[in-house]
Amino acid sequence: MELIEGLYLVTTTVLAGASATLLAFALSAYRSSGRTAMAYLAVGFGLVVVAAVVTPVAAFRTAFADAQALLLINTGLIAGSMALVAGSLAVYEPGTQELVIPETELSRLREE
């Protein structure tokens, strides 16, 4: 494996890991709030994970034979994910912000 291929794998692994973490946070936020915006974020970050995993797998399987097709697919997935992340801002329901107060703090406030 050449140095550039190794660096590609390292940066792609970091991208996939960071995106998977953001995906987990977005899924958790969606489960707790049920907000459509969080679902958009989850799908958007999921597409980044797919792009980060599928592109290098396809690249190494084809020995980077069709780099233009790989770039097109990767860029398409990333563009779709960014559209969903931007869409999460468009569908955000203003005025529905929830304030979550821990039960211990809530009890203390009730006593005062």
Protein backbone atom coordinates (compact mmCIF):
# COMPACT_ATOMS: atom_id res chain seq x y z
CA MET A 1 0.00 0.00 0.00
CA GLU A 2 1.30 3.40 -0.97
CA LEU A 3 1.52 6.29 1.48
CA ILE A 4 -1.29 8.20 -0.23
CA GLU A 5 -3.59 5.17 0.05
CA GLY A 6 -2.79 4.81 3.74
CA LEU A 7 -3.48 8.49 4.35
CA TYR A 8 -6.75 8.13 2.44
CA LEU A 9 -7.78 5.26 4.70
CA VAL A 10 -6.85 7.17 7.86
CA THR A 11 -8.72 10.34 6.90
CA THR A 12 -11.72 8.33 5.71
CA THR A 13 -11.77 6.39 8.98
CA VAL A 14 -11.72 9.65 10.97
CA LEU A 15 -14.54 11.03 8.81
CA ALA A 16 -16.62 7.87 9.23
CA GLY A 17 -16.03 7.81 12.99
CA ALA A 18 -16.88 11.47 13.52
CA SER A 19 -19.96 11.18 11.31
CA ALA A 20 -21.09 8.03 13.12
CA THR A 21 -20.79 9.90 16.42
CA LEU A 22 -22.90 12.76 15.07
CA LEU A 23 -25.37 10.22 13.71
CA ALA A 24 -25.70 8.66 17.17
CA PHE A 25 -26.29 12.08 18.76
CA ALA A 26 -28.90 12.97 16.12
CA LEU A 27 -30.70 9.64 16.60
CA SER A 28 -30.70 10.13 20.35
CA ALA A 29 -32.09 13.65 19.93
CA TYR A 30 -34.76 12.38 17.56
CA ARG A 31 -35.80 9.61 19.94
CA SER A 32 -36.09 11.98 22.87
CA SER A 33 -37.76 14.87 21.04
CA GLY A 34 -39.48 13.34 18.02
CA ARG A 35 -38.51 16.40 15.99
CA THR A 36 -38.40 16.10 12.24
CA ALA A 37 -35.27 18.24 12.14
CA MET A 38 -33.38 15.62 14.13
CA ALA A 39 -34.50 12.90 11.70
CA TYR A 40 -33.13 14.97 8.80
CA LEU A 41 -29.83 15.36 10.66
CA ALA A 42 -29.64 11.63 11.38
CA VAL A 43 -30.22 10.69 7.74
CA GLY A 44 -27.77 13.38 6.59
CA PHE A 45 -25.00 12.15 8.86
CA GLY A 46 -25.87 8.58 7.92
CA LEU A 47 -25.20 9.43 4.27
CA VAL A 48 -21.78 10.79 5.22
CA VAL A 49 -21.00 7.50 6.96
CA VAL A 50 -22.16 5.57 3.88
CA ALA A 51 -20.00 7.74 1.61
CA ALA A 52 -17.00 7.37 3.92
CA VAL A 53 -17.30 3.58 3.98
CA VAL A 54 -18.52 2.69 0.49
CA THR A 55 -16.18 4.93 -1.50
CA PRO A 56 -12.87 3.47 -0.23
CA VAL A 57 -14.23 -0.08 -0.40
CA ALA A 58 -15.17 0.46 -4.04
CA ALA A 59 -11.89 2.26 -4.72
CA PHE A 60 -9.72 -0.55 -3.40
CA ARG A 61 -11.84 -3.27 -5.04
CA THR A 62 -11.47 -1.61 -8.43
CA ALA A 63 -7.83 -0.59 -7.82
CA PHE A 64 -8.93 3.03 -8.26
CA ALA A 65 -9.69 2.20 -11.91
CA ASP A 66 -12.60 4.61 -12.38
CA ALA A 67 -11.70 7.55 -10.18
CA GLN A 68 -14.22 9.85 -11.87
CA ALA A 69 -17.12 7.54 -11.02
CA LEU A 70 -15.87 7.19 -7.44
CA LEU A 71 -15.66 10.96 -7.06
CA LEU A 72 -19.11 11.40 -8.57
CA ILE A 73 -20.70 8.90 -6.20
CA ASN A 74 -18.84 10.27 -3.18
CA THR A 75 -19.67 13.87 -4.01
CA GLY A 76 -23.30 12.94 -4.70
CA LEU A 77 -23.65 11.28 -1.30
CA ILE A 78 -21.96 14.19 0.47
CA ALA A 79 -24.13 16.71 -1.42
CA GLY A 80 -27.26 14.79 -0.44
CA SER A 81 -26.15 14.70 3.17
CA MET A 82 -25.47 18.43 3.25
CA ALA A 83 -28.88 19.08 1.69
CA LEU A 84 -30.47 17.09 4.50
CA VAL A 85 -28.44 18.88 7.17
CA ALA A 86 -29.49 22.21 5.66
CA GLY A 87 -33.05 20.91 5.41
CA SER A 88 -33.01 20.20 9.12
CA LEU A 89 -32.71 23.94 9.65
CA ALA A 90 -35.61 24.59 7.29
CA VAL A 91 -37.97 22.15 9.03
CA TYR A 92 -36.96 23.12 12.55
CA GLU A 93 -40.06 23.99 14.51
CA PRO A 94 -39.35 27.36 16.16
CA GLY A 95 -40.94 27.89 19.51
CA THR A 96 -40.79 24.21 20.43
CA GLN A 97 -37.54 24.42 22.31
CA GLU A 98 -37.74 22.25 25.38
CA LEU A 99 -36.04 23.06 28.61
CA VAL A 100 -35.02 19.89 30.36
CA ILE A 101 -34.39 20.31 34.06
CA PRO A 102 -32.97 17.38 36.04
CA GLU A 103 -35.39 16.01 38.63
CA THR A 104 -33.03 16.89 41.50
CA GLU A 105 -32.90 20.52 40.38
CA LEU A 106 -36.67 20.59 39.86
CA SER A 107 -37.23 19.31 43.41
CA ARG A 108 -34.93 21.98 44.79
CA LEU A 109 -36.78 24.68 42.87
CA ARG A 110 -40.15 23.45 44.17
CA GLU A 111 -38.92 23.63 47.76
CA GLU A 112 -37.96 27.30 47.45
